[in-house]
PDB file of all heavy atoms in Angstrom:
ATOM      1  N   ARG A   1      48.636 195.949-180.427  1.00  0.00           N
ATOM      2  CA  ARG A   1      47.784 196.747-181.237  1.00  0.00           C
ATOM      3  C   ARG A   1      46.782 195.890-182.000  1.00  0.00           C
ATOM      4  O   ARG A   1      45.668 196.115-182.131  1.00  0.00           O
ATOM      5  CB  ARG A   1      48.486 197.784-182.057  1.00  0.00           C
ATOM      6  CG  ARG A   1      47.519 198.657-182.838  1.00  0.00           C
ATOM      7  CD  ARG A   1      48.254 199.664-183.783  1.00  0.00           C
ATOM      8  NE  ARG A   1      48.965 200.626-182.988  1.00  0.00           N
ATOM      9  CZ  ARG A   1      50.279 200.858-183.039  1.00  0.00           C
ATOM     10  NH1 ARG A   1      51.034 200.167-183.803  1.00  0.00           N
ATOM     11  NH2 ARG A   1      50.732 201.872-182.356  1.00  0.00           N
ATOM     12  N   ALA A   2      47.415 194.887-182.726  1.00  0.00           N
ATOM     13  CA  ALA A   2      46.561 194.025-183.509  1.00  0.00           C
ATOM     14  C   ALA A   2      45.569 193.183-182.650  1.00  0.00           C
ATOM     15  O   ALA A   2      44.449 193.031-183.065  1.00  0.00           O
ATOM     16  CB  ALA A   2      47.446 193.030-184.289  1.00  0.00           C
ATOM     17  N   CYS A   3      45.980 192.726-181.544  1.00  0.00           N
ATOM     18  CA  CYS A   3      45.087 191.994-180.650  1.00  0.00           C
ATOM     19  C   CYS A   3      44.003 192.852-180.106  1.00  0.00           C
ATOM     20  O   CYS A   3      42.889 192.418-180.036  1.00  0.00           O
ATOM     21  CB  CYS A   3      45.936 191.376-179.539  1.00  0.00           C
ATOM     22  SG  CYS A   3      47.034 190.051-180.020  1.00  0.00           S
ATOM     23  N   ALA A   4      44.380 194.107-179.721  1.00  0.00           N
ATOM     24  CA  ALA A   4      43.350 195.011-179.221  1.00  0.00           C
ATOM     25  C   ALA A   4      42.326 195.336-180.327  1.00  0.00           C
ATOM     26  O   ALA A   4      41.101 195.423-180.000  1.00  0.00           O
ATOM     27  CB  ALA A   4      44.057 196.268-178.658  1.00  0.00           C
ATOM     28  N   ALA A   5      42.801 195.576-181.476  1.00  0.00           N
ATOM     29  CA  ALA A   5      41.938 195.803-182.650  1.00  0.00           C
ATOM     30  C   ALA A   5      40.997 194.669-182.884  1.00  0.00           C
ATOM     31  O   ALA A   5      39.798 194.867-183.182  1.00  0.00           O
ATOM     32  CB  ALA A   5      42.740 196.167-183.834  1.00  0.00           C
ATOM     33  N   ASP A   6      41.516 193.482-182.916  1.00  0.00           N
ATOM     34  CA  ASP A   6      40.753 192.279-183.091  1.00  0.00           C
ATOM     35  C   ASP A   6      39.654 192.162-182.061  1.00  0.00           C
ATOM     36  O   ASP A   6      38.499 191.880-182.353  1.00  0.00           O
ATOM     37  CB  ASP A   6      41.671 191.060-183.050  1.00  0.00           C
ATOM     38  CG  ASP A   6      40.906 189.736-183.246  1.00  0.00           C
ATOM     39  OD1 ASP A   6      40.220 189.573-184.298  1.00  0.00           O
ATOM     40  OD2 ASP A   6      40.884 188.919-182.361  1.00  0.00           O
ATOM     41  N   GLU A   7      39.952 192.370-180.799  1.00  0.00           N
ATOM     42  CA  GLU A   7      38.948 192.310-179.736  1.00  0.00           C
ATOM     43  C   GLU A   7      37.938 193.402-179.842  1.00  0.00           C
ATOM     44  O   GLU A   7      36.776 193.326-179.383  1.00  0.00           O
ATOM     45  CB  GLU A   7      39.682 192.474-178.386  1.00  0.00           C
ATOM     46  CG  GLU A   7      40.566 191.274-177.996  1.00  0.00           C
ATOM     47  CD  GLU A   7      41.331 191.436-176.737  1.00  0.00           C
ATOM     48  OE1 GLU A   7      41.157 192.576-176.146  1.00  0.00           O
ATOM     49  OE2 GLU A   7      42.108 190.567-176.361  1.00  0.00           O
ATOM     50  N   ALA A   8      38.280 194.572-180.529  1.00  0.00           N
ATOM     51  CA  ALA A   8      37.356 195.636-180.693  1.00  0.00           C
ATOM     52  C   ALA A   8      36.436 195.473-181.935  1.00  0.00           C
ATOM     53  O   ALA A   8      35.615 196.343-182.277  1.00  0.00           O
ATOM     54  CB  ALA A   8      38.076 197.010-180.840  1.00  0.00           C
ATOM     55  N   GLY A   9      36.657 194.368-182.686  1.00  0.00           N
ATOM     56  CA  GLY A   9      35.790 194.054-183.857  1.00  0.00           C
ATOM     57  C   GLY A   9      36.397 194.468-185.101  1.00  0.00           C
ATOM     58  O   GLY A   9      35.693 194.432-186.170  1.00  0.00           O
ATOM     59  N   VAL A  10      37.591 194.982-185.125  1.00  0.00           N
ATOM     60  CA  VAL A  10      38.311 195.322-186.392  1.00  0.00           C
ATOM     61  C   VAL A  10      38.660 194.077-187.172  1.00  0.00           C
ATOM     62  O   VAL A  10      39.122 193.032-186.535  1.00  0.00           O
ATOM     63  CB  VAL A  10      39.566 196.243-186.118  1.00  0.00           C
ATOM     64  CG1 VAL A  10      40.245 196.535-187.402  1.00  0.00           C
ATOM     65  CG2 VAL A  10      39.108 197.523-185.361  1.00  0.00           C
ATOM     66  N   SER A  11      38.550 194.072-188.461  1.00  0.00           N
ATOM     67  CA  SER A  11      38.987 192.941-189.290  1.00  0.00           C
ATOM     68  C   SER A  11      40.507 193.066-189.446  1.00  0.00           C
ATOM     69  O   SER A  11      41.064 193.920-190.109  1.00  0.00           O
ATOM     70  CB  SER A  11      38.330 192.998-190.645  1.00  0.00           C
ATOM     71  OG  SER A  11      36.941 192.858-190.583  1.00  0.00           O
ATOM     72  N   VAL A  12      41.194 192.165-188.744  1.00  0.00           N
ATOM     73  CA  VAL A  12      42.600 192.200-188.669  1.00  0.00           C
ATOM     74  C   VAL A  12      43.188 191.123-189.624  1.00  0.00           C
ATOM     75  O   VAL A  12      42.865 189.898-189.575  1.00  0.00           O
ATOM     76  CB  VAL A  12      43.214 191.933-187.252  1.00  0.00           C
ATOM     77  CG1 VAL A  12      44.719 191.951-187.266  1.00  0.00           C
ATOM     78  CG2 VAL A  12      42.655 193.008-186.349  1.00  0.00           C
ATOM     79  N   TYR A  13      44.072 191.560-190.565  1.00  0.00           N
ATOM     80  CA  TYR A  13      44.774 190.561-191.537  1.00  0.00           C
ATOM     81  C   TYR A  13      46.278 190.634-191.205  1.00  0.00           C
ATOM     82  O   TYR A  13      46.871 191.686-191.212  1.00  0.00           O
ATOM     83  CB  TYR A  13      44.528 191.106-192.972  1.00  0.00           C
ATOM     84  CG  TYR A  13      43.087 191.000-193.402  1.00  0.00           C
ATOM     85  CD1 TYR A  13      42.166 192.006-193.217  1.00  0.00           C
ATOM     86  CD2 TYR A  13      42.604 189.885-194.091  1.00  0.00           C
ATOM     87  CE1 TYR A  13      40.905 191.876-193.654  1.00  0.00           C
ATOM     88  CE2 TYR A  13      41.367 189.774-194.560  1.00  0.00           C
ATOM     89  CZ  TYR A  13      40.480 190.774-194.285  1.00  0.00           C
ATOM     90  OH  TYR A  13      39.165 190.685-194.713  1.00  0.00           O
ATOM     91  N   ALA A  14      46.813 189.445-190.875  1.00  0.00           N
ATOM     92  CA  ALA A  14      48.236 189.327-190.602  1.00  0.00           C
ATOM     93  C   ALA A  14      48.893 188.880-191.839  1.00  0.00           C
ATOM     94  O   ALA A  14      48.581 187.869-192.513  1.00  0.00           O
ATOM     95  CB  ALA A  14      48.481 188.305-189.524  1.00  0.00           C
ATOM     96  N   HIS A  15      49.870 189.702-192.365  1.00  0.00           N
ATOM     97  CA  HIS A  15      50.551 189.520-193.630  1.00  0.00           C
ATOM     98  C   HIS A  15      52.005 189.053-193.341  1.00  0.00           C
ATOM     99  O   HIS A  15      52.851 189.799-192.741  1.00  0.00           O
ATOM    100  CB  HIS A  15      50.604 190.704-194.461  1.00  0.00           C
ATOM    101  CG  HIS A  15      50.872 190.501-195.927  1.00  0.00           C
ATOM    102  ND1 HIS A  15      50.044 190.856-196.904  1.00  0.00           N
ATOM    103  CD2 HIS A  15      51.917 189.830-196.514  1.00  0.00           C
ATOM    104  CE1 HIS A  15      50.630 190.512-198.079  1.00  0.00           C
ATOM    105  NE2 HIS A  15      51.688 189.831-197.777  1.00  0.00           N
ATOM    106  N   ASN A  16      52.313 187.826-193.714  1.00  0.00           N
ATOM    107  CA  ASN A  16      53.672 187.351-193.525  1.00  0.00           C
ATOM    108  C   ASN A  16      54.592 188.223-194.501  1.00  0.00           C
ATOM    109  O   ASN A  16      54.341 188.150-195.669  1.00  0.00           O
ATOM    110  CB  ASN A  16      53.735 185.881-193.953  1.00  0.00           C
ATOM    111  CG  ASN A  16      55.053 185.195-193.587  1.00  0.00           C
ATOM    112  OD1 ASN A  16      56.131 185.866-193.623  1.00  0.00           O
ATOM    113  ND2 ASN A  16      55.019 183.913-193.327  1.00  0.00           N
ATOM    114  N   LEU A  17      55.584 188.871-193.980  1.00  0.00           N
ATOM    115  CA  LEU A  17      56.461 189.770-194.794  1.00  0.00           C
ATOM    116  C   LEU A  17      57.614 189.051-195.472  1.00  0.00           C
ATOM    117  O   LEU A  17      58.411 189.626-196.105  1.00  0.00           O
ATOM    118  CB  LEU A  17      57.016 190.821-193.934  1.00  0.00           C
ATOM    119  CG  LEU A  17      55.953 191.833-193.371  1.00  0.00           C
ATOM    120  CD1 LEU A  17      56.490 192.889-192.552  1.00  0.00           C
ATOM    121  CD2 LEU A  17      55.115 192.392-194.463  1.00  0.00           C
ATOM    122  N   SER A  18      57.781 187.681-195.316  1.00  0.00           N
ATOM    123  CA  SER A  18      58.756 186.985-196.015  1.00  0.00           C
ATOM    124  C   SER A  18      58.353 187.061-197.581  1.00  0.00           C
ATOM    125  O   SER A  18      57.215 186.803-197.921  1.00  0.00           O
ATOM    126  CB  SER A  18      58.777 185.490-195.613  1.00  0.00           C
ATOM    127  OG  SER A  18      59.684 184.800-196.422  1.00  0.00           O
ATOM    128  N   ALA A  19      59.298 187.291-198.384  1.00  0.00           N
ATOM    129  CA  ALA A  19      58.994 187.578-199.860  1.00  0.00           C
ATOM    130  C   ALA A  19      58.295 186.349-200.480  1.00  0.00           C
ATOM    131  O   ALA A  19      57.418 186.546-201.377  1.00  0.00           O
ATOM    132  CB  ALA A  19      60.259 187.916-200.572  1.00  0.00           C
ATOM    133  N   LEU A  20      58.728 185.123-200.200  1.00  0.00           N
ATOM    134  CA  LEU A  20      58.083 184.006-200.818  1.00  0.00           C
ATOM    135  C   LEU A  20      57.060 183.239-199.950  1.00  0.00           C
ATOM    136  O   LEU A  20      56.717 182.147-200.325  1.00  0.00           O
ATOM    137  CB  LEU A  20      59.255 183.008-201.172  1.00  0.00           C
ATOM    138  CG  LEU A  20      60.342 183.609-202.053  1.00  0.00           C
ATOM    139  CD1 LEU A  20      61.377 182.485-202.355  1.00  0.00           C
ATOM    140  CD2 LEU A  20      59.790 184.183-203.371  1.00  0.00           C
ATOM    141  N   ALA A  21      56.554 183.908-198.985  1.00  0.00           N
ATOM    142  CA  ALA A  21      55.561 183.260-198.091  1.00  0.00           C
ATOM    143  C   ALA A  21      54.292 183.042-198.826  1.00  0.00           C
ATOM    144  O   ALA A  21      53.815 183.822-199.638  1.00  0.00           O
ATOM    145  CB  ALA A  21      55.347 184.161-196.888  1.00  0.00           C
ATOM    146  N   LEU A  22      53.625 181.911-198.550  1.00  0.00           N
ATOM    147  CA  LEU A  22      52.325 181.529-199.101  1.00  0.00           C
ATOM    148  C   LEU A  22      51.306 181.641-198.107  1.00  0.00           C
ATOM    149  O   LEU A  22      50.079 181.562-198.426  1.00  0.00           O
ATOM    150  CB  LEU A  22      52.401 180.128-199.702  1.00  0.00           C
ATOM    151  CG  LEU A  22      53.369 179.877-200.817  1.00  0.00           C
ATOM    152  CD1 LEU A  22      53.328 178.328-201.280  1.00  0.00           C
ATOM    153  CD2 LEU A  22      53.032 180.761-202.013  1.00  0.00           C
ATOM    154  N   GLN A  23      51.661 181.826-196.821  1.00  0.00           N
ATOM    155  CA  GLN A  23      50.665 181.802-195.753  1.00  0.00           C
ATOM    156  C   GLN A  23      51.345 182.357-194.511  1.00  0.00           C
ATOM    157  O   GLN A  23      52.581 182.520-194.473  1.00  0.00           O
ATOM    158  CB  GLN A  23      50.072 180.554-195.498  1.00  0.00           C
ATOM    159  CG  GLN A  23      51.016 179.488-195.072  1.00  0.00           C
ATOM    160  CD  GLN A  23      50.406 178.104-194.895  1.00  0.00           C
ATOM    161  OE1 GLN A  23      49.235 177.841-195.345  1.00  0.00           O
ATOM    162  NE2 GLN A  23      51.107 177.182-194.303  1.00  0.00           N
ATOM    163  N   TRP A  24      50.586 182.641-193.507  1.00  0.00           N
ATOM    164  CA  TRP A  24      51.103 183.084-192.188  1.00  0.00           C
ATOM    165  C   TRP A  24      51.720 181.805-191.528  1.00  0.00           C
ATOM    166  O   TRP A  24      51.142 180.747-191.603  1.00  0.00           O
ATOM    167  CB  TRP A  24      49.971 183.657-191.305  1.00  0.00           C
ATOM    168  CG  TRP A  24      50.457 184.135-190.004  1.00  0.00           C
ATOM    169  CD1 TRP A  24      50.419 183.496-188.844  1.00  0.00           C
ATOM    170  CD2 TRP A  24      51.129 185.412-189.747  1.00  0.00           C
ATOM    171  NE1 TRP A  24      51.020 184.240-187.824  1.00  0.00           N
ATOM    172  CE2 TRP A  24      51.445 185.460-188.391  1.00  0.00           C
ATOM    173  CE3 TRP A  24      51.401 186.488-190.531  1.00  0.00           C
ATOM    174  CZ2 TRP A  24      52.022 186.582-187.787  1.00  0.00           C
ATOM    175  CZ3 TRP A  24      52.078 187.600-190.054  1.00  0.00           C
ATOM    176  CH2 TRP A  24      52.321 187.685-188.658  1.00  0.00           C
ATOM    177  N   ASP A  25      52.826 182.055-190.787  1.00  0.00           N
ATOM    178  CA  ASP A  25      53.508 180.888-190.114  1.00  0.00           C
ATOM    179  C   ASP A  25      52.822 180.752-188.713  1.00  0.00           C
ATOM    180  O   ASP A  25      52.873 181.641-187.963  1.00  0.00           O
ATOM    181  CB  ASP A  25      54.997 181.136-189.977  1.00  0.00           C
ATOM    182  CG  ASP A  25      55.715 181.132-191.286  1.00  0.00           C
ATOM    183  OD1 ASP A  25      55.312 180.406-192.186  1.00  0.00           O
ATOM    184  OD2 ASP A  25      56.797 181.800-191.395  1.00  0.00           O
ATOM    185  N   GLY A  26      52.144 179.585-188.514  1.00  0.00           N
ATOM    186  CA  GLY A  26      51.577 179.371-187.243  1.00  0.00           C
ATOM    187  C   GLY A  26      50.151 179.780-187.131  1.00  0.00           C
ATOM    188  O   GLY A  26      49.533 180.219-188.139  1.00  0.00           O
ATOM    189  N   ASP A  27      49.569 179.638-185.935  1.00  0.00           N
ATOM    190  CA  ASP A  27      48.264 179.993-185.663  1.00  0.00           C
ATOM    191  C   ASP A  27      48.046 181.520-185.368  1.00  0.00           C
ATOM    192  O   ASP A  27      48.973 182.141-184.937  1.00  0.00           O
ATOM    193  CB  ASP A  27      47.626 179.219-184.531  1.00  0.00           C
ATOM    194  CG  ASP A  27      47.695 177.644-184.810  1.00  0.00           C
ATOM    195  OD1 ASP A  27      47.542 177.321-186.014  1.00  0.00           O
ATOM    196  OD2 ASP A  27      47.866 176.899-183.824  1.00  0.00           O
TER     197      ASP A  27
END
């Protein structure tokens, strides 16, 4: 769903759900 939305021009934000995360893990 996220990939399809991204391809459709939706601004997709991936949120790392680890409590102490400072950023998304990986590309």
